[in-house]
C-alpha atoms as a PDB file:
ATOM      1  CA  MET A   1      65.174 197.458  91.120  1.00  0.00           C
ATOM      2  CA  LYS A   2      67.522 198.918  93.711  1.00  0.00           C
ATOM      3  CA  ASN A   3      64.829 200.707  95.731  1.00  0.00           C
ATOM      4  CA  TRP A   4      62.983 197.486  96.599  1.00  0.00           C
ATOM      5  CA  GLU A   5      62.095 197.374 100.293  1.00  0.00           C
ATOM      6  CA  ILE A   6      61.470 194.363 102.493  1.00  0.00           C
ATOM      7  CA  SER A   7      57.944 193.792 103.750  1.00  0.00           C
ATOM      8  CA  GLU A   8      57.137 192.110 107.034  1.00  0.00           C
ATOM      9  CA  LEU A   9      55.917 188.521 106.924  1.00  0.00           C
ATOM     10  CA  PRO A  10      53.498 186.983 106.140  1.00  0.00           C
ATOM     11  CA  LEU A  11      53.076 188.314 102.622  1.00  0.00           C
ATOM     12  CA  ASN A  12      49.713 188.466 100.918  1.00  0.00           C
ATOM     13  CA  ILE A  13      50.845 186.189  98.088  1.00  0.00           C
ATOM     14  CA  ASP A  14      49.609 182.786  96.948  1.00  0.00           C
ATOM     15  CA  PHE A  15      52.808 180.760  97.172  1.00  0.00           C
ATOM     16  CA  GLU A  16      51.079 177.407  96.705  1.00  0.00           C
ATOM     17  CA  THR A  17      50.878 177.413  92.921  1.00  0.00           C
ATOM     18  CA  LYS A  18      50.166 174.229  90.967  1.00  0.00           C
ATOM     19  CA  LYS A  19      53.846 173.748  90.102  1.00  0.00           C
ATOM     20  CA  VAL A  20      54.935 174.262  93.698  1.00  0.00           C
ATOM     21  CA  LEU A  21      52.303 171.901  95.106  1.00  0.00           C
ATOM     22  CA  LYS A  22      53.235 169.273  92.534  1.00  0.00           C
ATOM     23  CA  SER A  23      56.901 169.432  93.597  1.00  0.00           C
ATOM     24  CA  LEU A  24      56.257 168.884  97.302  1.00  0.00           C
ATOM     25  CA  PRO A  25      55.356 165.166  97.702  1.00  0.00           C
ATOM     26  CA  SER A  26      58.611 163.760  96.307  1.00  0.00           C
ATOM     27  CA  ALA A  27      60.665 166.213  98.398  1.00  0.00           C
ATOM     28  CA  HIS A  28      58.785 165.232 101.551  1.00  0.00           C
ATOM     29  CA  PHE A  29      59.235 161.538 100.708  1.00  0.00           C
ATOM     30  CA  ALA A  30      62.997 162.013 100.339  1.00  0.00           C
ATOM     31  CA  LEU A  31      63.156 163.877 103.652  1.00  0.00           C
ATOM     32  CA  ALA A  32      61.219 161.114 105.416  1.00  0.00           C
ATOM     33  CA  GLU A  33      63.521 158.472 103.947  1.00  0.00           C
ATOM     34  CA  LEU A  34      66.581 160.434 105.056  1.00  0.00           C
ATOM     35  CA  LYS A  35      65.199 160.827 108.573  1.00  0.00           C
ATOM     36  CA  GLY A  36      64.595 157.081 108.701  1.00  0.00           C
ATOM     37  CA  ILE A  37      68.014 155.943 107.502  1.00  0.00           C
ATOM     38  CA  ALA A  38      69.776 158.439 109.793  1.00  0.00           C
ATOM     39  CA  SER A  39      68.062 156.827 112.773  1.00  0.00           C
ATOM     40  CA  THR A  40      69.665 153.457 111.920  1.00  0.00           C
ATOM     41  CA  ILE A  41      73.214 154.706 112.594  1.00  0.00           C
ATOM     42  CA  PRO A  42      73.985 153.562 116.169  1.00  0.00           C
ATOM     43  CA  ASN A  43      75.894 156.681 117.220  1.00  0.00           C
ATOM     44  CA  GLN A  44      74.343 159.676 115.547  1.00  0.00           C
ATOM     45  CA  SER A  45      77.237 161.980 116.433  1.00  0.00           C
ATOM     46  CA  ILE A  46      79.000 160.142 113.592  1.00  0.00           C
ATOM     47  CA  LEU A  47      76.648 161.756 111.085  1.00  0.00           C
ATOM     48  CA  ILE A  48      76.581 165.138 112.784  1.00  0.00           C
ATOM     49  CA  ASN A  49      80.361 165.279 112.732  1.00  0.00           C
ATOM     50  CA  THR A  50      81.264 163.756 109.366  1.00  0.00           C
ATOM     51  CA  LEU A  51      78.442 165.353 107.375  1.00  0.00           C
ATOM     52  CA  GLY A  52      78.773 168.553 109.369  1.00  0.00           C
ATOM     53  CA  LEU A  53      82.427 168.821 108.381  1.00  0.00           C
ATOM     54  CA  GLN A  54      81.462 168.397 104.730  1.00  0.00           C
ATOM     55  CA  GLU A  55      78.743 171.034 105.023  1.00  0.00           C
ATOM     56  CA  ALA A  56      81.117 173.415 106.773  1.00  0.00           C
ATOM     57  CA  LYS A  57      83.537 173.064 103.878  1.00  0.00           C
ATOM     58  CA  ASP A  58      80.861 173.540 101.199  1.00  0.00           C
ATOM     59  CA  SER A  59      79.012 176.401 102.869  1.00  0.00           C
ATOM     60  CA  SER A  60      82.259 178.268 103.445  1.00  0.00           C
ATOM     61  CA  ALA A  61      83.304 177.663  99.834  1.00  0.00           C
ATOM     62  CA  ILE A  62      80.215 179.574  98.661  1.00  0.00           C
ATOM     63  CA  GLU A  63      81.715 182.605 100.437  1.00  0.00           C
ATOM     64  CA  ASN A  64      85.112 181.882  98.807  1.00  0.00           C
ATOM     65  CA  ILE A  65      86.591 180.486 102.026  1.00  0.00           C
ATOM     66  CA  ILE A  66      88.357 177.562 100.427  1.00  0.00           C
ATOM     67  CA  THR A  67      89.957 174.671 102.264  1.00  0.00           C
ATOM     68  CA  THR A  68      90.904 171.136 101.287  1.00  0.00           C
ATOM     69  CA  HIS A  69      89.500 168.046 102.960  1.00  0.00           C
ATOM     70  CA  ASP A  70      92.994 167.329 104.240  1.00  0.00           C
ATOM     71  CA  ASP A  71      93.333 170.768 105.853  1.00  0.00           C
ATOM     72  CA  LEU A  72      89.841 170.511 107.300  1.00  0.00           C
ATOM     73  CA  TYR A  73      90.368 167.118 108.924  1.00  0.00           C
ATOM     74  CA  LYS A  74      93.796 168.160 110.188  1.00  0.00           C
ATOM     75  CA  SER A  75      92.310 171.254 111.810  1.00  0.00           C
ATOM     76  CA  GLU A  76      89.915 169.010 113.752  1.00  0.00           C
ATOM     77  CA  LEU A  77      92.961 167.410 115.385  1.00  0.00           C
ATOM     78  CA  TYR A  78      93.852 170.734 117.058  1.00  0.00           C
ATOM     79  CA  PHE A  79      97.590 170.250 116.621  1.00  0.00           C
ATOM     80  CA  ASP A  80      99.591 173.437 117.241  1.00  0.00           C
ATOM     81  CA  ALA A  81     101.840 172.477 114.343  1.00  0.00           C
ATOM     82  CA  PHE A  82      98.970 172.957 111.923  1.00  0.00           C
ATOM     83  CA  LYS A  83      97.228 176.311 111.700  1.00  0.00           C
ATOM     84  CA  SER A  84      95.224 177.161 108.590  1.00  0.00           C
ATOM     85  CA  LEU A  85      93.160 180.357 108.744  1.00  0.00           C
ATOM     86  CA  ASN A  86      90.593 179.082 106.251  1.00  0.00           C
ATOM     87  CA  ALA A  87      90.338 175.710 107.994  1.00  0.00           C
ATOM     88  CA  LYS A  88      89.787 177.535 111.291  1.00  0.00           C
ATOM     89  CA  GLU A  89      86.912 179.486 109.739  1.00  0.00           C
ATOM     90  CA  VAL A  90      85.416 176.241 108.484  1.00  0.00           C
ATOM     91  CA  GLN A  91      85.849 174.731 111.949  1.00  0.00           C
ATOM     92  CA  ASN A  92      83.992 177.732 113.382  1.00  0.00           C
ATOM     93  CA  TYR A  93      81.136 176.877 111.035  1.00  0.00           C
ATOM     94  CA  ILE A  94      80.660 173.385 112.430  1.00  0.00           C
ATOM     95  CA  LEU A  95      80.934 174.734 115.976  1.00  0.00           C
ATOM     96  CA  ALA A  96      78.222 177.288 115.131  1.00  0.00           C
ATOM     97  CA  LEU A  97      76.061 174.561 113.593  1.00  0.00           C
ATOM     98  CA  LYS A  98      76.375 172.386 116.700  1.00  0.00           C
ATOM     99  CA  LYS A  99      75.668 175.340 118.982  1.00  0.00           C
ATOM    100  CA  GLY A 100      72.521 176.197 117.022  1.00  0.00           C
ATOM    101  CA  PHE A 101      71.366 172.572 117.158  1.00  0.00           C
ATOM    102  CA  GLU A 102      71.991 172.449 120.907  1.00  0.00           C
ATOM    103  CA  LEU A 103      70.064 175.654 121.592  1.00  0.00           C
ATOM    104  CA  THR A 104      67.077 174.872 119.364  1.00  0.00           C
ATOM    105  CA  SER A 105      66.886 171.298 120.710  1.00  0.00           C
ATOM    106  CA  LYS A 106      66.577 172.667 124.250  1.00  0.00           C
ATOM    107  CA  SER A 107      64.018 175.363 123.517  1.00  0.00           C
ATOM    108  CA  GLY A 108      62.147 173.980 120.515  1.00  0.00           C
ATOM    109  CA  LEU A 109      62.383 177.479 119.065  1.00  0.00           C
ATOM    110  CA  LEU A 110      64.604 179.210 116.526  1.00  0.00           C
ATOM    111  CA  THR A 111      64.948 182.656 118.069  1.00  0.00           C
ATOM    112  CA  THR A 112      66.808 185.840 117.242  1.00  0.00           C
ATOM    113  CA  LYS A 113      68.955 185.178 120.308  1.00  0.00           C
ATOM    114  CA  THR A 114      69.952 181.791 118.874  1.00  0.00           C
ATOM    115  CA  ILE A 115      70.682 183.293 115.463  1.00  0.00           C
ATOM    116  CA  LEU A 116      72.918 185.887 117.122  1.00  0.00           C
ATOM    117  CA  LYS A 117      74.741 183.125 118.989  1.00  0.00           C
ATOM    118  CA  ILE A 118      75.249 181.130 115.780  1.00  0.00           C
ATOM    119  CA  GLN A 119      76.793 184.154 114.091  1.00  0.00           C
ATOM    120  CA  GLU A 120      78.917 184.942 117.148  1.00  0.00           C
ATOM    121  CA  VAL A 121      80.475 181.455 117.104  1.00  0.00           C
ATOM    122  CA  LEU A 122      80.782 181.519 113.326  1.00  0.00           C
ATOM    123  CA  GLU A 123      82.649 184.827 113.197  1.00  0.00           C
ATOM    124  CA  ASP A 124      84.330 184.485 116.599  1.00  0.00           C
ATOM    125  CA  ASN A 125      83.134 187.935 117.666  1.00  0.00           C
ATOM    126  CA  ASN A 126      80.101 189.563 119.241  1.00  0.00           C
ATOM    127  CA  ALA A 127      79.547 192.361 116.723  1.00  0.00           C
ATOM    128  CA  GLY A 128      75.845 191.493 116.573  1.00  0.00           C
ATOM    129  CA  PHE A 129      73.469 193.126 114.105  1.00  0.00           C
ATOM    130  CA  ARG A 130      74.792 195.839 111.802  1.00  0.00           C
ATOM    131  CA  LYS A 131      74.789 199.276 113.421  1.00  0.00           C
ATOM    132  CA  LEU A 132      76.651 201.215 110.752  1.00  0.00           C
ATOM    133  CA  PRO A 133      75.352 201.964 107.228  1.00  0.00           C
ATOM    134  CA  GLY A 134      77.250 201.152 104.060  1.00  0.00           C
ATOM    135  CA  THR A 135      76.540 197.458 103.432  1.00  0.00           C
ATOM    136  CA  THR A 136      75.625 196.666  99.833  1.00  0.00           C
ATOM    137  CA  LEU A 137      75.480 193.464  97.782  1.00  0.00           C
ATOM    138  CA  LYS A 138      77.458 193.679  94.556  1.00  0.00           C
ATOM    139  CA  ASN A 139      77.772 191.697  91.354  1.00  0.00           C
ATOM    140  CA  THR A 140      81.070 189.851  91.837  1.00  0.00           C
ATOM    141  CA  THR A 141      81.897 190.208  88.130  1.00  0.00           C
ATOM    142  CA  THR A 142      80.951 193.811  87.389  1.00  0.00           C
ATOM    143  CA  GLY A 143      81.119 195.349  90.866  1.00  0.00           C
ATOM    144  CA  GLU A 144      77.667 196.858  90.309  1.00  0.00           C
ATOM    145  CA  THR A 145      75.452 197.237  93.373  1.00  0.00           C
ATOM    146  CA  ILE A 146      72.509 194.899  92.844  1.00  0.00           C
ATOM    147  CA  TYR A 147      70.824 195.251  96.209  1.00  0.00           C
ATOM    148  CA  THR A 148      71.064 197.456  99.279  1.00  0.00           C
ATOM    149  CA  PRO A 149      69.750 195.777 102.442  1.00  0.00           C
ATOM    150  CA  PRO A 150      68.256 197.759 105.348  1.00  0.00           C
ATOM    151  CA  GLN A 151      70.793 200.249 106.678  1.00  0.00           C
ATOM    152  CA  ASP A 152      69.093 201.346 109.889  1.00  0.00           C
ATOM    153  CA  TYR A 153      69.790 199.308 113.034  1.00  0.00           C
ATOM    154  CA  ASN A 154      66.243 199.717 114.356  1.00  0.00           C
ATOM    155  CA  GLU A 155      64.800 198.532 111.057  1.00  0.00           C
ATOM    156  CA  ILE A 156      67.003 195.433 111.171  1.00  0.00           C
ATOM    157  CA  ILE A 157      65.774 194.724 114.701  1.00  0.00           C
ATOM    158  CA  ARG A 158      62.144 195.182 113.607  1.00  0.00           C
ATOM    159  CA  LEU A 159      62.502 192.864 110.624  1.00  0.00           C
ATOM    160  CA  MET A 160      64.390 190.198 112.590  1.00  0.00           C
ATOM    161  CA  THR A 161      61.756 190.305 115.346  1.00  0.00           C
ATOM    162  CA  ASN A 162      59.094 189.798 112.696  1.00  0.00           C
ATOM    163  CA  LEU A 163      61.072 186.954 111.127  1.00  0.00           C
ATOM    164  CA  GLU A 164      61.458 185.247 114.520  1.00  0.00           C
ATOM    165  CA  LYS A 165      57.694 185.347 114.998  1.00  0.00           C
ATOM    166  CA  TYR A 166      57.096 184.019 111.483  1.00  0.00           C
ATOM    167  CA  ILE A 167      59.508 181.123 112.039  1.00  0.00           C
ATOM    168  CA  ASN A 168      58.068 180.021 115.373  1.00  0.00           C
ATOM    169  CA  ASP A 169      54.351 180.896 115.300  1.00  0.00           C
ATOM    170  CA  SER A 170      52.582 178.360 113.084  1.00  0.00           C
ATOM    171  CA  GLU A 171      49.320 180.294 113.291  1.00  0.00           C
ATOM    172  CA  ILE A 172      50.767 183.171 111.277  1.00  0.00           C
ATOM    173  CA  SER A 173      51.041 181.013 108.161  1.00  0.00           C
ATOM    174  CA  ASN A 174      49.892 177.450 107.590  1.00  0.00           C
ATOM    175  CA  ILE A 175      51.654 176.870 104.275  1.00  0.00           C
ATOM    176  CA  ASP A 176      53.840 173.806 103.733  1.00  0.00           C
ATOM    177  CA  PRO A 177      57.070 174.056 105.773  1.00  0.00           C
ATOM    178  CA  LEU A 178      59.267 173.559 102.696  1.00  0.00           C
ATOM    179  CA  ILE A 179      57.689 176.621 101.077  1.00  0.00           C
ATOM    180  CA  LYS A 180      58.020 178.455 104.357  1.00  0.00           C
ATOM    181  CA  MET A 181      61.708 177.538 104.608  1.00  0.00           C
ATOM    182  CA  ALA A 182      62.318 179.098 101.183  1.00  0.00           C
ATOM    183  CA  ILE A 183      60.540 182.280 102.299  1.00  0.00           C
ATOM    184  CA  ILE A 184      62.494 182.394 105.578  1.00  0.00           C
ATOM    185  CA  HIS A 185      65.783 181.966 103.747  1.00  0.00           C
ATOM    186  CA  PHE A 186      64.922 184.725 101.280  1.00  0.00           C
ATOM    187  CA  GLN A 187      63.840 187.066 104.067  1.00  0.00           C
ATOM    188  CA  PHE A 188      66.949 186.485 106.177  1.00  0.00           C
ATOM    189  CA  GLU A 189      69.327 186.936 103.245  1.00  0.00           C
ATOM    190  CA  SER A 190      67.491 190.118 102.241  1.00  0.00           C
ATOM    191  CA  ILE A 191      67.646 191.572 105.755  1.00  0.00           C
ATOM    192  CA  HIS A 192      71.354 190.688 105.708  1.00  0.00           C
ATOM    193  CA  PRO A 193      71.539 191.587 109.403  1.00  0.00           C
ATOM    194  CA  PHE A 194      75.244 190.969 110.035  1.00  0.00           C
ATOM    195  CA  TYR A 195      78.440 192.563 108.808  1.00  0.00           C
ATOM    196  CA  ASP A 196      79.680 189.116 107.793  1.00  0.00           C
ATOM    197  CA  GLY A 197      78.544 185.493 107.819  1.00  0.00           C
ATOM    198  CA  ASN A 198      74.990 186.089 106.574  1.00  0.00           C
ATOM    199  CA  GLY A 199      75.049 183.345 103.934  1.00  0.00           C
ATOM    200  CA  ARG A 200      76.532 180.732 106.237  1.00  0.00           C
ATOM    201  CA  THR A 201      74.197 181.669 109.100  1.00  0.00           C
ATOM    202  CA  GLY A 202      71.233 181.517 106.710  1.00  0.00           C
ATOM    203  CA  ARG A 203      72.149 178.009 105.614  1.00  0.00           C
ATOM    204  CA  ILE A 204      72.363 176.858 109.226  1.00  0.00           C
ATOM    205  CA  ILE A 205      68.913 178.352 109.835  1.00  0.00           C
ATOM    206  CA  ASN A 206      67.542 176.199 106.984  1.00  0.00           C
ATOM    207  CA  ILE A 207      68.349 172.865 108.617  1.00  0.00           C
ATOM    208  CA  LEU A 208      67.436 174.011 112.126  1.00  0.00           C
ATOM    209  CA  TYR A 209      64.020 175.057 110.827  1.00  0.00           C
ATOM    210  CA  LEU A 210      63.439 171.632 109.244  1.00  0.00           C
ATOM    211  CA  ILE A 211      64.382 170.007 112.561  1.00  0.00           C
ATOM    212  CA  ASN A 212      61.987 172.239 114.480  1.00  0.00           C
ATOM    213  CA  GLU A 213      59.264 171.235 112.034  1.00  0.00           C
ATOM    214  CA  LYS A 214      60.035 167.543 112.794  1.00  0.00           C
ATOM    215  CA  LEU A 215      61.017 166.896 109.183  1.00  0.00           C
ATOM    216  CA  GLN A 216      64.509 165.915 110.345  1.00  0.00           C
ATOM    217  CA  SER A 217      65.957 164.822 113.668  1.00  0.00           C
ATOM    218  CA  LEU A 218      69.598 165.690 113.060  1.00  0.00           C
ATOM    219  CA  PRO A 219      71.430 168.546 111.325  1.00  0.00           C
ATOM    220  CA  ILE A 220      72.517 166.500 108.320  1.00  0.00           C
ATOM    221  CA  LEU A 221      70.540 167.887 105.364  1.00  0.00           C
ATOM    222  CA  TYR A 222      72.646 170.660 103.895  1.00  0.00           C
ATOM    223  CA  LEU A 223      71.909 172.614 100.735  1.00  0.00           C
ATOM    224  CA  SER A 224      75.398 174.050 100.265  1.00  0.00           C
ATOM    225  CA  SER A 225      76.606 171.424  97.802  1.00  0.00           C
ATOM    226  CA  TYR A 226      73.451 172.027  95.716  1.00  0.00           C
ATOM    227  CA  ILE A 227      73.989 175.795  95.859  1.00  0.00           C
ATOM    228  CA  ILE A 228      77.623 175.387  94.759  1.00  0.00           C
ATOM    229  CA  LYS A 229      76.455 173.418  91.712  1.00  0.00           C
ATOM    230  CA  HIS A 230      73.858 176.079  90.875  1.00  0.00           C
ATOM    231  CA  LYS A 231      75.437 179.192  92.378  1.00  0.00           C
ATOM    232  CA  ALA A 232      74.471 181.549  89.551  1.00  0.00           C
ATOM    233  CA  ASP A 233      70.849 180.346  89.640  1.00  0.00           C
ATOM    234  CA  TYR A 234      70.746 180.725  93.428  1.00  0.00           C
ATOM    235  CA  TYR A 235      71.690 184.405  93.339  1.00  0.00           C
ATOM    236  CA  ASN A 236      69.651 185.037  90.199  1.00  0.00           C
ATOM    237  CA  TYR A 237      66.439 183.615  91.691  1.00  0.00           C
ATOM    238  CA  LEU A 238      66.979 185.543  94.929  1.00  0.00           C
ATOM    239  CA  GLN A 239      67.302 188.794  93.023  1.00  0.00           C
ATOM    240  CA  LYS A 240      64.365 188.059  90.721  1.00  0.00           C
ATOM    241  CA  VAL A 241      62.083 187.910  93.756  1.00  0.00           C
ATOM    242  CA  ARG A 242      63.232 191.428  94.648  1.00  0.00           C
ATOM    243  CA  ASP A 243      63.093 192.758  91.091  1.00  0.00           C
ATOM    244  CA  GLU A 244      60.041 190.974  89.682  1.00  0.00           C
ATOM    245  CA  GLU A 245      58.373 189.134  92.597  1.00  0.00           C
ATOM    246  CA  LEU A 246      59.082 185.813  90.861  1.00  0.00           C
ATOM    247  CA  TRP A 247      58.486 183.717  93.970  1.00  0.00           C
ATOM    248  CA  GLU A 248      57.549 180.523  92.162  1.00  0.00           C
ATOM    249  CA  ASP A 249      60.951 180.046  90.525  1.00  0.00           C
ATOM    250  CA  TRP A 250      62.739 180.661  93.827  1.00  0.00           C
ATOM    251  CA  ILE A 251      60.553 178.261  95.801  1.00  0.00           C
ATOM    252  CA  LEU A 252      60.801 175.540  93.139  1.00  0.00           C
ATOM    253  CA  PHE A 253      64.591 175.942  93.144  1.00  0.00           C
ATOM    254  CA  MET A 254      64.753 175.451  96.912  1.00  0.00           C
ATOM    255  CA  ILE A 255      62.351 172.491  96.964  1.00  0.00           C
ATOM    256  CA  LYS A 256      64.327 170.787  94.220  1.00  0.00           C
ATOM    257  CA  GLY A 257      67.471 171.409  96.243  1.00  0.00           C
ATOM    258  CA  ILE A 258      65.947 169.785  99.303  1.00  0.00           C
ATOM    259  CA  GLU A 259      64.899 166.707  97.331  1.00  0.00           C
ATOM    260  CA  GLU A 260      68.194 166.279  95.470  1.00  0.00           C
ATOM    261  CA  THR A 261      70.281 166.846  98.588  1.00  0.00           C
ATOM    262  CA  ALA A 262      68.181 164.427 100.637  1.00  0.00           C
ATOM    263  CA  LYS A 263      68.646 161.714  98.018  1.00  0.00           C
ATOM    264  CA  GLU A 264      72.408 162.306  97.840  1.00  0.00           C
ATOM    265  CA  THR A 265      72.652 162.221 101.633  1.00  0.00           C
ATOM    266  CA  ILE A 266      70.651 158.980 101.793  1.00  0.00           C
ATOM    267  CA  GLU A 267      73.108 157.414  99.353  1.00  0.00           C
ATOM    268  CA  LEU A 268      76.103 158.664 101.342  1.00  0.00           C
ATOM    269  CA  ILE A 269      74.725 157.451 104.681  1.00  0.00           C
ATOM    270  CA  SER A 270      73.971 154.052 103.140  1.00  0.00           C
ATOM    271  CA  LYS A 271      77.602 153.789 102.024  1.00  0.00           C
ATOM    272  CA  ILE A 272      78.885 154.894 105.440  1.00  0.00           C
ATOM    273  CA  LYS A 273      76.600 152.347 107.086  1.00  0.00           C
ATOM    274  CA  ASP A 274      77.866 149.536 104.803  1.00  0.00           C
ATOM    275  CA  LEU A 275      81.479 150.525 105.463  1.00  0.00           C
ATOM    276  CA  MET A 276      80.876 150.572 109.217  1.00  0.00           C
ATOM    277  CA  PHE A 277      79.356 147.093 109.004  1.00  0.00           C
ATOM    278  CA  GLU A 278      82.406 145.851 107.103  1.00  0.00           C
ATOM    279  CA  TYR A 279      84.814 147.408 109.607  1.00  0.00           C
ATOM    280  CA  LYS A 280      82.807 146.039 112.517  1.00  0.00           C
ATOM    281  CA  HIS A 281      83.218 142.464 111.335  1.00  0.00           C
ATOM    282  CA  GLN A 282      86.852 142.972 110.424  1.00  0.00           C
ATOM    283  CA  LEU A 283      87.705 144.441 113.821  1.00  0.00           C
ATOM    284  CA  ARG A 284      85.525 142.111 115.868  1.00  0.00           C
ATOM    285  CA  ASP A 285      86.907 138.981 114.178  1.00  0.00           C
ATOM    286  CA  ASN A 286      90.581 139.955 114.349  1.00  0.00           C
ATOM    287  CA  TYR A 287      91.216 142.199 117.343  1.00  0.00           C
ATOM    288  CA  LYS A 288      90.587 141.457 120.994  1.00  0.00           C
ATOM    289  CA  PHE A 289      90.432 145.188 121.689  1.00  0.00           C
ATOM    290  CA  TYR A 290      87.413 145.679 119.391  1.00  0.00           C
ATOM    291  CA  SER A 291      84.552 147.721 120.869  1.00  0.00           C
ATOM    292  CA  GLN A 292      81.616 149.651 119.480  1.00  0.00           C
ATOM    293  CA  ASP A 293      83.142 152.823 120.938  1.00  0.00           C
ATOM    294  CA  LEU A 294      86.316 152.210 118.950  1.00  0.00           C
ATOM    295  CA  LEU A 295      84.337 151.698 115.748  1.00  0.00           C
ATOM    296  CA  ASN A 296      82.313 154.854 116.413  1.00  0.00           C
ATOM    297  CA  ASN A 297      85.503 156.837 116.937  1.00  0.00           C
ATOM    298  CA  LEU A 298      86.983 155.750 113.611  1.00  0.00           C
ATOM    299  CA  PHE A 299      83.848 156.972 111.804  1.00  0.00           C
ATOM    300  CA  LYS A 300      83.222 160.117 113.848  1.00  0.00           C
ATOM    301  CA  HIS A 301      86.737 161.381 113.126  1.00  0.00           C
ATOM    302  CA  PRO A 302      87.990 160.804 109.563  1.00  0.00           C
ATOM    303  CA  TYR A 303      91.383 161.711 111.039  1.00  0.00           C
ATOM    304  CA  THR A 304      91.681 160.418 114.602  1.00  0.00           C
ATOM    305  CA  LYS A 305      94.439 160.585 117.198  1.00  0.00           C
ATOM    306  CA  ILE A 306      95.476 159.050 120.510  1.00  0.00           C
ATOM    307  CA  GLU A 307      93.681 161.682 122.605  1.00  0.00           C
ATOM    308  CA  PHE A 308      90.375 160.995 120.844  1.00  0.00           C
ATOM    309  CA  ILE A 309      90.665 157.275 121.652  1.00  0.00           C
ATOM    310  CA  VAL A 310      91.611 158.043 125.278  1.00  0.00           C
ATOM    311  CA  ASN A 311      88.533 160.257 125.660  1.00  0.00           C
ATOM    312  CA  ASP A 312      86.056 158.020 123.835  1.00  0.00           C
ATOM    313  CA  LEU A 313      87.199 154.660 125.215  1.00  0.00           C
ATOM    314  CA  GLY A 314      88.480 155.680 128.643  1.00  0.00           C
ATOM    315  CA  VAL A 315      91.833 153.931 128.133  1.00  0.00           C
ATOM    316  CA  SER A 316      95.404 155.073 128.807  1.00  0.00           C
ATOM    317  CA  ARG A 317      97.511 156.864 126.197  1.00  0.00           C
ATOM    318  CA  LEU A 318      99.749 153.807 125.868  1.00  0.00           C
ATOM    319  CA  THR A 319      96.771 151.527 125.260  1.00  0.00           C
ATOM    320  CA  ALA A 320      95.214 153.964 122.772  1.00  0.00           C
ATOM    321  CA  ALA A 321      98.523 154.256 120.908  1.00  0.00           C
ATOM    322  CA  ASN A 322      98.835 150.466 120.764  1.00  0.00           C
ATOM    323  CA  TYR A 323      95.318 150.150 119.301  1.00  0.00           C
ATOM    324  CA  LEU A 324      95.912 152.742 116.604  1.00  0.00           C
ATOM    325  CA  ASN A 325      99.396 151.570 115.720  1.00  0.00           C
ATOM    326  CA  LYS A 326      98.195 147.984 115.324  1.00  0.00           C
ATOM    327  CA  LEU A 327      95.373 149.108 113.019  1.00  0.00           C
ATOM    328  CA  ALA A 328      97.855 151.183 111.011  1.00  0.00           C
ATOM    329  CA  GLU A 329     100.277 148.266 110.832  1.00  0.00           C
ATOM    330  CA  ASP A 330      97.486 146.136 109.376  1.00  0.00           C
ATOM    331  CA  LYS A 331      96.553 148.847 106.832  1.00  0.00           C
ATOM    332  CA  ILE A 332      93.111 149.470 108.308  1.00  0.00           C
ATOM    333  CA  LEU A 333      94.198 153.009 109.122  1.00  0.00           C
ATOM    334  CA  LYS A 334      96.993 155.096 107.650  1.00  0.00           C
ATOM    335  CA  LYS A 335      99.442 156.600 110.137  1.00  0.00           C
ATOM    336  CA  GLU A 336     100.684 160.109 109.405  1.00  0.00           C
ATOM    337  CA  LYS A 337     102.930 162.558 111.258  1.00  0.00           C
ATOM    338  CA  LEU A 338     102.129 166.211 111.905  1.00  0.00           C
ATOM    339  CA  GLY A 339     104.670 168.213 113.864  1.00  0.00           C
ATOM    340  CA  THR A 340     105.509 166.149 116.929  1.00  0.00           C
ATOM    341  CA  GLY A 341     102.242 164.215 116.882  1.00  0.00           C
ATOM    342  CA  ASN A 342     100.720 161.360 114.908  1.00  0.00           C
ATOM    343  CA  TYR A 343      97.270 161.024 113.440  1.00  0.00           C
ATOM    344  CA  TYR A 344      95.485 158.093 111.822  1.00  0.00           C
ATOM    345  CA  VAL A 345      93.362 158.306 108.683  1.00  0.00           C
ATOM    346  CA  ASN A 346      90.297 156.235 107.883  1.00  0.00           C
ATOM    347  CA  GLU A 347      91.094 156.409 104.164  1.00  0.00           C
ATOM    348  CA  ARG A 348      88.009 154.604 102.954  1.00  0.00           C
ATOM    349  CA  LEU A 349      85.697 156.908 104.880  1.00  0.00           C
ATOM    350  CA  VAL A 350      87.558 159.971 103.610  1.00  0.00           C
ATOM    351  CA  GLU A 351      87.209 158.659 100.067  1.00  0.00           C
ATOM    352  CA  LEU A 352      83.435 158.397 100.492  1.00  0.00           C
ATOM    353  CA  LEU A 353      83.194 161.944 101.817  1.00  0.00           C
ATOM    354  CA  ILE A 354      85.388 163.419  99.100  1.00  0.00           C
ATOM    355  CA  LYS A 355      83.481 161.675  96.320  1.00  0.00           C
ATOM    356  CA  ARG A 356      80.162 163.054  97.466  1.00  0.00           C
END
């Protein structure tokens, strides 16, 4: 139904069907468990960085921006000798995610201004909302236009202003926040307000909304891996809302994604926590230079380098190099060369992240 038009929120629809209500408790339980286990990691930037890198890779892959883990972790080192365009785009994603988290944490709101800033960092430009007509969404296989989002700039502004109010004003709709997140995601993707980066921006909005609703404390629950596994269903359910108003299937799909992803993330954090505990004892028992800051560094950066140690530990370059070279000599890290510089790989951490 190509002439479908977006309505302002809230919609006069009963979203809380029996099936939807039945799916909510286990998803909320998984979210609560994830929030709890995340709080037990001593330095939470470890999770924001390592899981954020993984999300950046997965979310970008949905848009066919493909990079390897190796390229991604190398790009975080900022060595001039290594420049991968795709890895840079993925790096922009994590920068946009962190910027969104910073802004919403300060204000407690998820505003249009913040969404614009997220997209600006993501795309490394300030093009803003679409001003020119011509944007259509096509079937990637057939090339057929399946949906035409709003073409008029003023209409985009109107719909985004309405969406901002719906996100932040709890009095507009008192439905469960997981249902509301699914509606917000649908609405944003249907407005499709930017020339590029709509999908990735929309997925960042998901986690920031859950944080604003106090269902999470950190940006670590990411649906991109779930969407990759069920990519055809994701786009099919989105379009069926437009064509047939089949909201229930879409909402159930998103709630299931939240639950499954939360459980997978709990398992991954548990493994990271166990590995950190193992490394802590190994380092503390065998190296006089052990410190919690050193341990945190090795888990915040899957690939670390001398400058990271200098900054995190406040030691000289020579001291930092001695620390890393000793750990590499003892096979705790793996030393690699890139251009004129060296980097050091926490192979066991990387293995956990790749296996996710």
